[in-house]
Amino acid sequence: MRAILFSGLMIILLMWTGCTVSPRYHRSRGEARPARPARPATEQAESRPSHSDMPVDYHVGQVLRGTASYYGPNFHGRLTANGETFDRNAMTCAHLHLPFGTRLEITYLKTGRTVILRVNDRGPYSNNRILDLSEGAARRLGMHEDGIGEVTARILSLGEE
């Protein structure tokens, strides 16, 4: 009787685990995503890019505008996407698509303060935000208390991936 019960439980367990989805593969037939038409640069500069809404080309002088937030204590000392150790007091930021090493002039619209940051991480992973700033950058901009705010980001130089 025990052997039958044990066998039944094993079959149920195997069936249950066999029905889970592998996290690496989200398309079962290798289908390609449909191509998106490129938008004019003037439209890119004033839009709020989301994760699936990546501009085709970035260029020096281009201005991005949108919401930024900052990240700090929980990530301090962890590795960033480019392999550096995250320093919450450094003048760095995260962007979803800009090449690592890209330099940006960030202006917090509420205070008018400006800082120059280097892209060394990927994010933010919220559809309504264009940048995640280091805590040090947020403090210099006067955004630390607010936690989130409207910014412009002018591309000063593009990094190399």
Foldseek 3Di string as FASTA:
>chain_A
DVVVVVVVVVVVVVVVVVPDDDPVDDDDPPDDDDDDDADDLVVQLEDQAFLVRDHPDDDAFRKHKFKEFADEDVQQQPAAPQGDGDHLQDQAKAFADADFQWWKWKAFVVQRFTDIYTYDHHDDNDGRHGMYTRLNNCVRNVNNVVRMGMMMIGTHDGDDD
